[in-house]
Amino acid sequence: MAVFTCQHAVRYRSCNNMSNLLTMRSLLHLLPRTWLRFAVCLFAMMPAMASARSGRQAQNQPPKQVPPPLVLAGGTIIDVTAWGRSANDVPDAVIYIRDGRITAVGPRAALPIPKGSKVIDCTGKYLIPGLIDGFAGMNSQTQANANLYMGVTSVVASSDSVRGHVDQHANPAPHLYLVDSIGSTDDWSLLIHDPEWAKKLKDPPGRPVELSPEDTARQLQDTAKLGTKVLWLGHDLTAANTQWIVEKAHQLGLITYGEFVSTSYRIGVQDGVDVLLHMGRYELGVIPEELQKPLAEDPGGSASRTAYGYAERLPPMDSHWGDYGNFLASHHAALMPTLSQFYLRLPNHRNLWHEPASQILSETELDSPPDRQTGEAVYPLSLWTRHLPNSTIHWMEESARKKADQQASRMWTINRRIFEAYPHYLAASGAPAMGTMPGISMHTELEMLVRLGLSPREAVAAATNNYAEQFKWSELGQIAPGRRADILVLDGDPTVSIWNVRRINTLILDGNEVDRGALLKK
């Protein structure tokens, strides 16, 4: 019998005489091997036939239309790279935005505006990335609105006894980067409501205690699964645990904030902690070893009062402060001083209740809010004092105010001394603690950083791209291709005056223009 090829199969299908004489069943009976070869060849030809058919269909269909981008045109993009030390601003710039991301950036001469684009004319204006508040609470929709109104588009958000629970359902809202404690009991941990963790994490009477290394290792994994981005290393962590927590956290891509007491600040910095949190805390880095050792057993009692007292009384011009500043500047850790928490205790402060965004804030959602009439910090006295004469109460209030103001002044002078070594800074408000207000206090923070010694450009960088530099968060911090389209269009040049950061003309969040006026409606 002759071999039946694929060519034969094609000819065979067109053979009318054969198809008339033989049924399929008789053909299979007469030519079993021939038919098998035909079927195999036909099966092999099917993908090519289908591909050709789909190719013809694709040729017949019109190409898919890509919608034109949102375009910001004509403004000056402020350079916030290199910790604010670069000044390669882009005048008359054009920015393409699609699907919430920046897709292209360049001068108008090199980047034409696509036909049909929605264009926001930014001629004569200045563009910076949305502000990042590196440590704050956000316990309500109104606080989310206040943040956005003031240009804060990202918040590293903490739930704690002072700031309340983070409202993760607020909408609209800044992007949230959640903070969780690590390595010790904490009633405010993000894992506290997990049945497996509720008993282990509950604070015992007295003060928090360290978890075992085994529990801490499991806590690291579980909080990372929740989406936690930042770990708070608190007062009770001892040096041995701090070292390996920082190492394991970095392996998981988590950022570490140190607010140490039991652990020496120098050890924490050498171990690679990313941030030293709060003016009034990291000054403990100058205490001698004989004062540090007792803190491992007594981080919240008389030993800590002695240690803090030593740091506060050490003269600002003492060489230990210069040495400490140089030590910090030569290591990875950045300072996050949250200067705004001392704003009301330092000279030249203003009444924050006069800010438009304050009108939607509730005093019940703030910690120690200032007096509405005077704008001054309030120092509440114990209940028993209400039976005293008014003159005595007034004297006690003034004494408390004077003591707090003196402490703030000492801390400020010490931080001016540390600044002389030029460590890296990150901006954070600490709101709504200690008289601060969401969004509003981010701008007092920028003002205070400039007062400390940073240039306006460096202060803006501390609230934007420094986070990308320090944390390797590549989705934010710059107006550049691939970054999230969170942009502030300003009416004034922020490199001339930090006050111009407040002059927000247009707010872009996730590539969408936000109605700022609507944010102030309760």
Protein backbone atom coordinates (compact mmCIF):
# COMPACT_ATOMS: atom_id res chain seq x y z
CA MET A 1 0.00 0.00 0.00
CA ALA A 2 1.28 3.44 -0.86
CA VAL A 3 2.32 5.82 1.94
CA PHE A 4 -0.38 8.43 2.58
CA THR A 5 1.24 11.83 3.19
CA CYS A 6 -0.14 15.17 4.31
CA GLN A 7 -0.15 16.27 0.69
CA HIS A 8 -2.26 13.23 -0.13
CA ALA A 9 -4.58 14.20 2.71
CA VAL A 10 -5.25 17.58 1.21
CA ARG A 11 -5.87 16.07 -2.21
CA TYR A 12 -7.91 13.28 -0.66
CA ARG A 13 -10.35 15.76 0.94
CA SER A 14 -11.06 17.26 -2.49
CA CYS A 15 -11.62 13.94 -4.18
CA ASN A 16 -15.36 13.90 -4.87
CA ASN A 17 -15.43 10.41 -6.40
CA MET A 18 -13.82 8.83 -3.40
CA SER A 19 -16.11 10.61 -0.96
CA ASN A 20 -19.12 9.51 -2.98
CA LEU A 21 -18.09 5.84 -3.08
CA LEU A 22 -16.87 5.30 0.45
CA THR A 23 -18.46 6.08 3.73
CA MET A 24 -16.31 7.00 6.68
CA ARG A 25 -16.76 3.61 8.25
CA SER A 26 -15.74 1.72 5.11
CA LEU A 27 -12.76 4.05 4.67
CA LEU A 28 -11.56 3.30 8.18
CA HIS A 29 -12.00 -0.40 7.51
CA LEU A 30 -10.20 -0.35 4.18
CA LEU A 31 -7.44 2.12 4.97
CA PRO A 32 -6.78 2.05 8.70
CA ARG A 33 -3.12 3.01 8.51
CA THR A 34 -3.70 5.58 5.78
CA TRP A 35 -6.49 7.23 7.75
CA LEU A 36 -4.38 7.32 10.92
CA ARG A 37 -1.61 9.17 9.10
CA PHE A 38 -4.18 11.60 7.73
CA ALA A 39 -5.63 12.31 11.19
CA VAL A 40 -2.18 12.88 12.68
CA CYS A 41 -1.25 15.33 9.92
CA LEU A 42 -4.55 17.17 10.26
CA PHE A 43 -4.09 17.51 14.04
CA ALA A 44 -0.58 18.87 13.53
CA MET A 45 -1.86 21.46 11.07
CA MET A 46 -4.61 22.80 13.39
CA PRO A 47 -2.45 25.24 15.51
CA ALA A 48 -1.00 26.82 12.37
CA MET A 49 -4.46 27.11 10.84
CA ALA A 50 -5.85 28.69 14.04
CA SER A 51 -2.92 31.07 14.25
CA ALA A 52 -3.41 32.18 10.67
CA ARG A 53 -7.11 32.65 11.29
CA SER A 54 -6.51 34.75 14.45
CA GLY A 55 -3.84 36.72 12.63
CA ARG A 56 -6.32 37.62 9.89
CA GLN A 57 -8.87 38.66 12.56
CA ALA A 58 -6.28 40.82 14.35
CA GLN A 59 -5.41 42.50 11.07
CA ASN A 60 -9.06 43.27 10.50
CA GLN A 61 -9.53 44.79 14.02
CA PRO A 62 -8.47 48.38 14.70
CA PRO A 63 -5.52 48.78 17.12
CA LYS A 64 -6.44 49.22 20.79
CA GLN A 65 -6.54 52.88 21.67
CA VAL A 66 -4.44 53.97 24.69
CA PRO A 67 -6.26 56.80 26.47
CA PRO A 68 -4.33 60.06 26.57
CA PRO A 69 -2.57 60.81 29.88
CA LEU A 70 -3.32 63.45 32.45
CA VAL A 71 -0.70 66.12 31.81
CA LEU A 72 0.75 68.72 34.16
CA ALA A 73 2.40 71.35 31.99
CA GLY A 74 4.50 74.46 32.50
CA GLY A 75 5.54 74.25 36.14
CA THR A 76 8.99 73.94 37.70
CA ILE A 77 9.76 70.53 39.19
CA ILE A 78 11.78 70.97 42.39
CA ASP A 79 14.73 68.61 42.74
CA VAL A 80 14.62 66.83 46.13
CA THR A 81 17.25 64.17 45.48
CA ALA A 82 20.59 63.70 47.26
CA TRP A 83 19.06 64.60 50.66
CA GLY A 84 18.12 68.01 49.30
CA ARG A 85 21.64 68.89 48.24
CA SER A 86 20.96 68.73 44.48
CA ALA A 87 19.34 71.67 42.72
CA ASN A 88 18.66 70.39 39.20
CA ASP A 89 15.15 71.80 38.98
CA VAL A 90 13.24 71.31 35.70
CA PRO A 91 11.55 74.53 34.50
CA ASP A 92 8.62 74.52 32.07
CA ALA A 93 8.20 70.80 32.72
CA VAL A 94 5.67 68.33 31.36
CA ILE A 95 4.48 65.31 33.35
CA TYR A 96 2.46 62.39 31.97
CA ILE A 97 0.26 60.47 34.42
CA ARG A 98 -1.57 57.21 33.69
CA ASP A 99 -3.25 54.74 36.05
CA GLY A 100 -2.04 56.55 39.13
CA ARG A 101 1.62 56.51 38.12
CA ILE A 102 3.97 59.00 36.57
CA THR A 103 4.92 57.68 33.14
CA ALA A 104 7.12 60.45 31.74
CA VAL A 105 8.79 63.66 32.91
CA GLY A 106 10.77 66.22 30.97
CA PRO A 107 11.03 69.76 29.62
CA ARG A 108 8.24 70.84 27.29
CA ALA A 109 10.69 71.01 24.38
CA ALA A 110 11.41 67.29 24.72
CA LEU A 111 7.97 66.03 25.77
CA PRO A 112 5.09 67.20 23.58
CA ILE A 113 1.58 67.15 24.98
CA PRO A 114 -0.43 64.27 23.43
CA LYS A 115 -3.58 65.20 21.54
CA GLY A 116 -6.73 64.84 23.61
CA SER A 117 -4.94 64.94 26.98
CA LYS A 118 -6.49 66.58 30.00
CA VAL A 119 -3.99 69.33 30.80
CA ILE A 120 -3.52 71.12 34.11
CA ASP A 121 -1.72 74.37 33.38
CA CYS A 122 1.03 74.83 35.96
CA THR A 123 2.71 77.83 34.37
CA GLY A 124 4.46 79.92 37.01
CA LYS A 125 3.98 77.27 39.68
CA TYR A 126 6.24 74.79 41.48
CA LEU A 127 5.80 71.05 41.79
CA ILE A 128 6.95 68.80 44.63
CA PRO A 129 6.06 65.23 45.62
CA GLY A 130 3.27 64.73 48.15
CA LEU A 131 4.48 65.07 51.74
CA ILE A 132 5.24 62.02 53.89
CA ASP A 133 4.57 62.15 57.62
CA GLY A 134 6.97 59.55 58.97
CA PHE A 135 5.31 58.99 62.35
CA ALA A 136 1.75 59.94 63.23
CA GLY A 137 -1.67 58.61 64.10
CA MET A 138 -4.80 58.97 61.98
CA ASN A 139 -7.81 57.96 64.01
CA SER A 140 -10.71 59.42 61.96
CA GLN A 141 -11.91 60.54 58.57
CA THR A 142 -11.51 64.18 59.59
CA GLN A 143 -7.86 63.58 60.42
CA ALA A 144 -7.41 61.92 57.01
CA ASN A 145 -9.02 64.97 55.39
CA ALA A 146 -6.83 67.40 57.34
CA ASN A 147 -3.73 65.53 56.21
CA LEU A 148 -4.75 65.63 52.57
CA TYR A 149 -5.78 69.27 52.73
CA MET A 150 -2.29 70.14 53.96
CA GLY A 151 -0.63 68.05 51.24
CA VAL A 152 0.26 64.96 53.30
CA THR A 153 -0.28 62.05 50.90
CA SER A 154 1.48 59.29 52.89
CA VAL A 155 1.50 58.57 56.63
CA VAL A 156 3.60 56.07 58.56
CA ALA A 157 0.76 55.38 60.95
CA SER A 158 0.94 54.25 64.57
CA SER A 159 -1.84 52.97 66.81
CA ASP A 160 -1.07 53.68 70.46
CA SER A 161 -2.55 54.95 73.69
CA VAL A 162 -1.90 58.60 72.77
CA ARG A 163 -2.90 58.58 69.10
CA GLY A 164 -5.71 56.02 69.16
CA HIS A 165 -6.41 53.36 66.54
CA VAL A 166 -5.52 54.06 62.92
CA ASP A 167 -8.65 54.39 60.80
CA GLN A 168 -7.75 52.09 57.92
CA HIS A 169 -11.16 52.57 56.30
CA ALA A 170 -11.01 56.33 55.82
CA ASN A 171 -11.66 57.37 52.23
CA PRO A 172 -10.24 59.57 50.82
CA ALA A 173 -7.06 59.17 52.81
CA PRO A 174 -3.29 59.32 52.55
CA HIS A 175 -1.46 56.11 51.78
CA LEU A 176 -0.88 54.27 55.06
CA TYR A 177 2.34 52.51 56.05
CA LEU A 178 1.51 50.69 59.27
CA VAL A 179 3.75 50.61 62.34
CA ASP A 180 3.76 47.71 64.81
CA SER A 181 5.72 47.16 67.99
CA ILE A 182 8.06 44.19 68.17
CA GLY A 183 9.62 42.03 70.84
CA SER A 184 7.57 43.09 73.86
CA THR A 185 4.03 43.01 75.18
CA ASP A 186 1.80 45.76 73.83
CA ASP A 187 -1.97 46.21 74.14
CA TRP A 188 -1.87 48.26 70.92
CA SER A 189 -0.05 45.72 68.77
CA LEU A 190 -1.61 45.03 65.37
CA LEU A 191 -1.71 41.37 66.41
CA ILE A 192 -3.49 41.89 69.75
CA HIS A 193 -6.87 40.72 68.41
CA ASP A 194 -5.44 37.52 66.96
CA PRO A 195 -6.45 34.69 69.36
CA GLU A 196 -2.97 33.19 69.07
CA TRP A 197 -1.40 36.45 70.24
CA ALA A 198 -3.92 38.09 72.55
CA LYS A 199 -2.59 36.49 75.74
CA LYS A 200 1.10 36.74 74.83
CA LEU A 201 0.93 40.43 73.89
CA LYS A 202 -1.29 41.71 76.69
CA ASP A 203 0.61 44.12 78.91
CA PRO A 204 1.00 42.83 82.47
CA PRO A 205 0.45 45.18 85.43
CA GLY A 206 3.32 47.61 85.80
CA ARG A 207 5.21 47.83 82.53
CA PRO A 208 5.67 45.87 79.26
CA VAL A 209 8.04 42.91 79.24
CA GLU A 210 10.18 41.36 76.55
CA LEU A 211 8.93 38.38 74.60
CA SER A 212 11.04 35.26 74.22
CA PRO A 213 13.26 35.07 71.13
CA GLU A 214 11.02 32.30 69.75
CA ASP A 215 7.86 34.38 70.14
CA THR A 216 9.56 37.44 68.71
CA ALA A 217 10.70 35.53 65.63
CA ARG A 218 7.13 34.33 65.05
CA GLN A 219 5.77 37.83 65.72
CA LEU A 220 8.06 39.21 63.01
CA GLN A 221 6.64 36.79 60.45
CA ASP A 222 3.01 37.30 61.47
CA THR A 223 3.05 41.10 61.53
CA ALA A 224 4.82 41.15 58.15
CA LYS A 225 1.95 39.05 56.76
CA LEU A 226 -0.49 41.73 57.97
CA GLY A 227 1.23 44.28 55.74
CA THR A 228 3.23 46.04 58.46
CA LYS A 229 5.98 48.23 56.97
CA VAL A 230 7.71 49.62 60.07
CA LEU A 231 8.69 48.08 63.41
CA TRP A 232 8.91 50.14 66.59
CA LEU A 233 11.71 48.96 68.88
CA GLY A 234 10.71 50.23 72.27
CA HIS A 235 11.99 50.96 75.74
CA ASP A 236 12.06 47.40 77.07
CA LEU A 237 14.11 45.72 74.36
CA THR A 238 17.55 44.72 75.57
CA ALA A 239 20.64 44.97 73.39
CA ALA A 240 20.85 41.28 72.46
CA ASN A 241 17.28 41.20 71.16
CA THR A 242 17.60 44.55 69.39
CA GLN A 243 20.56 43.31 67.37
CA TRP A 244 18.92 40.26 65.87
CA ILE A 245 15.51 41.95 65.46
CA VAL A 246 17.08 44.64 63.27
CA GLU A 247 18.88 42.00 61.23
CA LYS A 248 15.77 39.81 60.72
CA ALA A 249 13.56 42.82 60.02
CA HIS A 250 15.82 43.96 57.21
CA GLN A 251 15.79 40.47 55.74
CA LEU A 252 11.99 40.76 55.56
CA GLY A 253 12.16 44.25 54.05
CA LEU A 254 10.83 45.93 57.21
CA ILE A 255 12.01 49.31 58.49
CA THR A 256 13.09 49.73 62.13
CA TYR A 257 12.42 52.75 64.37
CA GLY A 258 14.40 52.88 67.61
CA GLU A 259 13.09 54.57 70.75
CA PHE A 260 15.54 52.88 73.10
CA VAL A 261 16.00 52.90 76.83
CA SER A 262 17.19 49.41 77.84
CA THR A 263 19.33 49.23 74.70
CA SER A 264 22.15 51.72 74.37
CA TYR A 265 21.57 54.11 71.46
CA ARG A 266 25.10 53.56 70.28
CA ILE A 267 24.53 49.80 70.11
CA GLY A 268 21.23 50.26 68.28
CA VAL A 269 22.86 52.56 65.74
CA GLN A 270 25.78 50.18 65.22
CA ASP A 271 23.30 47.34 64.73
CA GLY A 272 21.81 49.22 61.77
CA VAL A 273 18.52 50.65 63.06
CA ASP A 274 16.99 52.87 60.38
CA VAL A 275 15.54 55.70 62.48
CA LEU A 276 16.06 57.28 65.90
CA LEU A 277 12.66 58.59 66.98
CA HIS A 278 11.83 61.74 68.97
CA MET A 279 13.80 64.66 70.28
CA GLY A 280 13.88 64.13 74.03
CA ARG A 281 14.62 60.42 73.57
CA TYR A 282 17.71 59.87 71.42
CA GLU A 283 19.73 62.30 73.59
CA LEU A 284 20.23 59.28 75.90
CA GLY A 285 23.04 58.35 73.52
CA VAL A 286 25.46 60.51 75.52
CA ILE A 287 24.96 58.93 78.94
CA PRO A 288 27.94 57.03 80.42
CA GLU A 289 27.97 53.26 80.73
CA GLU A 290 27.36 53.33 84.47
CA LEU A 291 24.00 55.02 83.84
CA GLN A 292 23.10 52.78 80.89
CA LYS A 293 23.50 49.43 82.67
CA PRO A 294 20.67 49.91 85.21
CA LEU A 295 18.25 50.77 82.39
CA ALA A 296 18.16 47.14 81.27
CA GLU A 297 16.31 46.30 84.48
CA ASP A 298 14.59 49.63 85.11
CA PRO A 299 13.73 51.34 81.80
CA GLY A 300 10.79 53.28 83.24
CA GLY A 301 11.70 54.01 86.85
CA SER A 302 14.29 55.92 88.85
CA ALA A 303 17.17 54.72 86.66
CA SER A 304 15.59 56.29 83.59
CA ARG A 305 14.87 59.54 85.40
CA THR A 306 18.52 59.72 86.42
CA ALA A 307 19.67 59.01 82.85
CA TYR A 308 17.38 61.59 81.24
CA GLY A 309 18.32 64.13 83.89
CA TYR A 310 22.00 63.64 83.09
CA ALA A 311 21.42 64.17 79.35
CA GLU A 312 19.31 67.30 79.90
CA ARG A 313 21.85 68.91 82.24
CA LEU A 314 24.90 68.18 80.10
CA PRO A 315 25.88 71.59 78.66
CA PRO A 316 25.21 71.90 74.91
CA MET A 317 28.81 72.90 74.24
CA ASP A 318 30.16 69.81 76.02
CA SER A 319 32.34 67.80 73.63
CA HIS A 320 30.20 64.70 74.21
CA TRP A 321 27.42 66.24 72.10
CA GLY A 322 29.77 66.93 69.21
CA ASP A 323 31.13 63.38 69.41
CA TYR A 324 27.61 61.96 69.47
CA GLY A 325 26.55 64.05 66.47
CA ASN A 326 29.59 62.89 64.49
CA PHE A 327 28.83 59.28 65.48
CA LEU A 328 25.26 59.60 64.18
CA ALA A 329 26.34 61.30 60.95
CA SER A 330 28.79 58.49 60.21
CA HIS A 331 26.19 55.71 60.50
CA HIS A 332 23.04 54.64 58.66
CA ALA A 333 20.43 55.83 61.16
CA ALA A 334 18.45 58.98 60.36
CA LEU A 335 17.01 61.32 62.97
CA MET A 336 13.24 61.78 63.17
CA PRO A 337 12.98 64.45 65.89
CA THR A 338 9.20 65.17 65.71
CA LEU A 339 10.01 68.74 66.71
CA SER A 340 6.36 69.69 66.38
CA GLN A 341 5.63 67.98 69.68
CA PHE A 342 7.63 70.79 71.32
CA TYR A 343 6.34 73.53 69.02
CA LEU A 344 3.92 75.07 71.55
CA ARG A 345 6.65 75.16 74.21
CA LEU A 346 9.15 77.03 72.07
CA PRO A 347 9.16 80.73 71.13
CA ASN A 348 7.46 82.15 68.04
CA HIS A 349 4.65 79.62 67.84
CA ARG A 350 1.21 80.55 66.57
CA ASN A 351 -2.35 79.49 67.32
CA LEU A 352 -2.92 76.30 65.34
CA TRP A 353 -6.68 76.69 65.71
CA HIS A 354 -6.48 79.54 63.21
CA GLU A 355 -5.57 77.07 60.46
CA PRO A 356 -8.49 76.27 58.08
CA ALA A 357 -7.90 72.52 58.46
CA SER A 358 -8.28 72.74 62.24
CA GLN A 359 -11.98 73.58 61.89
CA ILE A 360 -12.86 69.98 61.03
CA LEU A 361 -10.80 68.49 63.89
CA SER A 362 -12.37 67.38 67.14
CA GLU A 363 -10.60 68.12 70.42
CA THR A 364 -11.66 64.70 71.68
CA GLU A 365 -9.51 63.07 68.96
CA LEU A 366 -6.41 65.10 69.86
CA ASP A 367 -3.96 64.61 72.72
CA SER A 368 -3.49 67.70 74.91
CA PRO A 369 -4.91 70.14 72.33
CA PRO A 370 -3.94 73.80 72.78
CA ASP A 371 -6.34 76.37 74.14
CA ARG A 372 -8.66 77.49 71.34
CA GLN A 373 -8.53 81.15 72.27
CA THR A 374 -4.86 81.61 73.03
CA GLY A 375 -3.27 78.74 71.11
CA GLU A 376 -1.10 78.00 74.14
CA ALA A 377 -0.33 74.55 75.52
CA VAL A 378 -2.58 73.47 78.37
CA TYR A 379 -1.09 71.93 81.51
CA PRO A 380 -3.98 70.26 83.33
CA LEU A 381 -3.67 69.97 87.11
CA SER A 382 -4.84 67.14 89.32
CA LEU A 383 -8.52 67.10 90.25
CA TRP A 384 -7.82 67.88 93.90
CA THR A 385 -6.44 71.32 92.94
CA ARG A 386 -9.88 72.58 91.87
CA HIS A 387 -10.68 73.30 95.51
CA LEU A 388 -7.69 75.65 95.78
CA PRO A 389 -7.94 79.43 95.39
CA ASN A 390 -7.78 80.67 91.80
CA SER A 391 -4.54 82.51 92.49
CA THR A 392 -2.92 79.27 93.65
CA ILE A 393 -4.20 77.36 90.64
CA HIS A 394 -2.85 80.07 88.33
CA TRP A 395 0.54 79.93 90.05
CA MET A 396 0.68 76.13 89.68
CA GLU A 397 -0.25 76.32 86.00
CA GLU A 398 2.43 78.92 85.33
CA SER A 399 4.99 76.83 87.20
CA ALA A 400 4.14 73.79 85.06
CA ARG A 401 4.37 75.90 81.90
CA LYS A 402 7.71 77.37 82.86
CA LYS A 403 9.18 73.97 83.65
CA ALA A 404 7.97 72.51 80.33
CA ASP A 405 9.24 75.50 78.37
CA GLN A 406 12.67 75.27 80.00
CA GLN A 407 12.91 71.57 79.19
CA ALA A 408 11.94 72.22 75.56
CA SER A 409 14.50 75.01 75.30
CA ARG A 410 17.28 72.74 76.60
CA MET A 411 16.32 69.96 74.17
CA TRP A 412 16.23 72.44 71.30
CA THR A 413 19.70 73.80 72.08
CA ILE A 414 21.09 70.27 72.33
CA ASN A 415 19.61 69.38 68.95
CA ARG A 416 21.14 72.47 67.41
CA ARG A 417 24.47 71.11 68.62
CA ILE A 418 23.80 67.66 67.15
CA PHE A 419 22.79 69.25 63.85
CA GLU A 420 26.28 70.74 63.44
CA ALA A 421 27.50 67.24 62.51
CA TYR A 422 24.89 67.18 59.72
CA PRO A 423 23.18 63.80 60.20
CA HIS A 424 20.32 62.78 57.93
CA TYR A 425 16.80 63.93 58.85
CA LEU A 426 13.29 62.64 58.18
CA ALA A 427 10.23 64.81 58.77
CA ALA A 428 7.42 63.58 61.03
CA SER A 429 4.83 65.39 63.11
CA GLY A 430 3.99 62.85 65.82
CA ALA A 431 0.38 64.07 65.50
CA PRO A 432 -2.02 64.14 67.21
CA ALA A 433 0.14 63.88 70.37
CA MET A 434 1.29 66.69 72.66
CA GLY A 435 -0.78 69.46 71.11
CA THR A 436 -0.01 68.60 67.49
CA MET A 437 -2.64 68.45 64.73
CA PRO A 438 -2.79 66.12 61.69
CA GLY A 439 -1.50 67.75 58.51
CA ILE A 440 -1.06 71.15 60.15
CA SER A 441 1.84 70.00 62.32
CA MET A 442 3.63 68.56 59.32
CA HIS A 443 4.15 72.15 58.21
CA THR A 444 5.29 73.28 61.65
CA GLU A 445 7.77 70.39 61.43
CA LEU A 446 9.17 71.75 58.18
CA GLU A 447 9.40 75.23 59.71
CA MET A 448 11.23 73.82 62.74
CA LEU A 449 13.68 71.87 60.59
CA VAL A 450 14.58 75.08 58.77
CA ARG A 451 14.89 76.87 62.10
CA LEU A 452 17.20 74.04 63.21
CA GLY A 453 19.50 74.71 60.26
CA LEU A 454 18.30 72.81 57.19
CA SER A 455 17.78 74.77 53.99
CA PRO A 456 14.18 74.93 52.72
CA ARG A 457 15.08 72.47 49.96
CA GLU A 458 16.61 70.07 52.49
CA ALA A 459 13.50 70.34 54.65
CA VAL A 460 11.26 69.49 51.68
CA ALA A 461 13.53 66.54 50.91
CA ALA A 462 13.18 65.39 54.53
CA ALA A 463 9.42 65.10 53.92
CA THR A 464 9.69 63.47 50.50
CA ASN A 465 12.63 61.74 48.83
CA ASN A 466 14.67 61.15 51.97
CA TYR A 467 12.23 58.33 52.72
CA ALA A 468 13.00 56.73 49.37
CA GLU A 469 16.71 57.15 50.07
CA GLN A 470 16.65 55.80 53.64
CA PHE A 471 14.01 53.07 53.32
CA LYS A 472 14.40 52.12 49.62
CA TRP A 473 10.70 52.85 49.08
CA SER A 474 10.85 53.37 45.33
CA GLU A 475 7.14 54.15 44.82
CA LEU A 476 7.20 57.59 46.43
CA GLY A 477 9.28 60.67 47.15
CA GLN A 478 10.05 61.95 43.65
CA ILE A 479 8.34 63.29 40.55
CA ALA A 480 9.85 60.68 38.28
CA PRO A 481 8.69 57.90 35.94
CA GLY A 482 7.40 54.87 37.81
CA ARG A 483 6.62 56.77 41.01
CA ARG A 484 3.15 57.14 42.42
CA ALA A 485 1.44 60.27 41.11
CA ASP A 486 1.12 62.13 44.43
CA ILE A 487 2.01 65.72 43.57
CA LEU A 488 1.58 69.17 45.09
CA VAL A 489 1.33 72.16 42.76
CA LEU A 490 2.44 75.23 44.72
CA ASP A 491 1.91 78.92 44.10
CA GLY A 492 5.36 79.82 45.51
CA ASP A 493 8.92 78.52 45.31
CA PRO A 494 9.53 76.26 48.34
CA THR A 495 13.31 76.61 47.99
CA VAL A 496 13.00 80.32 48.73
CA SER A 497 10.70 80.01 51.73
CA ILE A 498 9.45 76.87 53.46
CA TRP A 499 6.20 78.74 54.03
CA ASN A 500 5.47 78.32 50.31
CA VAL A 501 4.89 74.58 50.83
CA ARG A 502 1.61 75.61 52.45
CA ARG A 503 0.51 77.51 49.33
CA ILE A 504 -1.06 74.49 47.66
CA ASN A 505 -2.84 75.30 44.41
CA THR A 506 -3.59 71.75 43.25
CA LEU A 507 -3.42 68.37 45.01
CA ILE A 508 -2.89 65.21 42.95
CA LEU A 509 -3.41 61.89 44.77
CA ASP A 510 -2.93 58.62 42.88
CA GLY A 511 -3.09 60.56 39.63
CA ASN A 512 -6.43 62.20 40.45
CA GLU A 513 -7.07 65.85 41.23
CA VAL A 514 -8.55 66.19 44.72
CA ASP A 515 -11.08 68.88 45.60
CA ARG A 516 -9.37 70.42 48.62
CA GLY A 517 -12.36 72.55 49.49
CA ALA A 518 -14.57 69.47 49.83
CA LEU A 519 -12.13 68.03 52.38
CA LEU A 520 -13.07 70.76 54.86
CA LYS A 521 -16.76 69.89 54.84
CA LYS A 522 -17.66 67.87 57.93
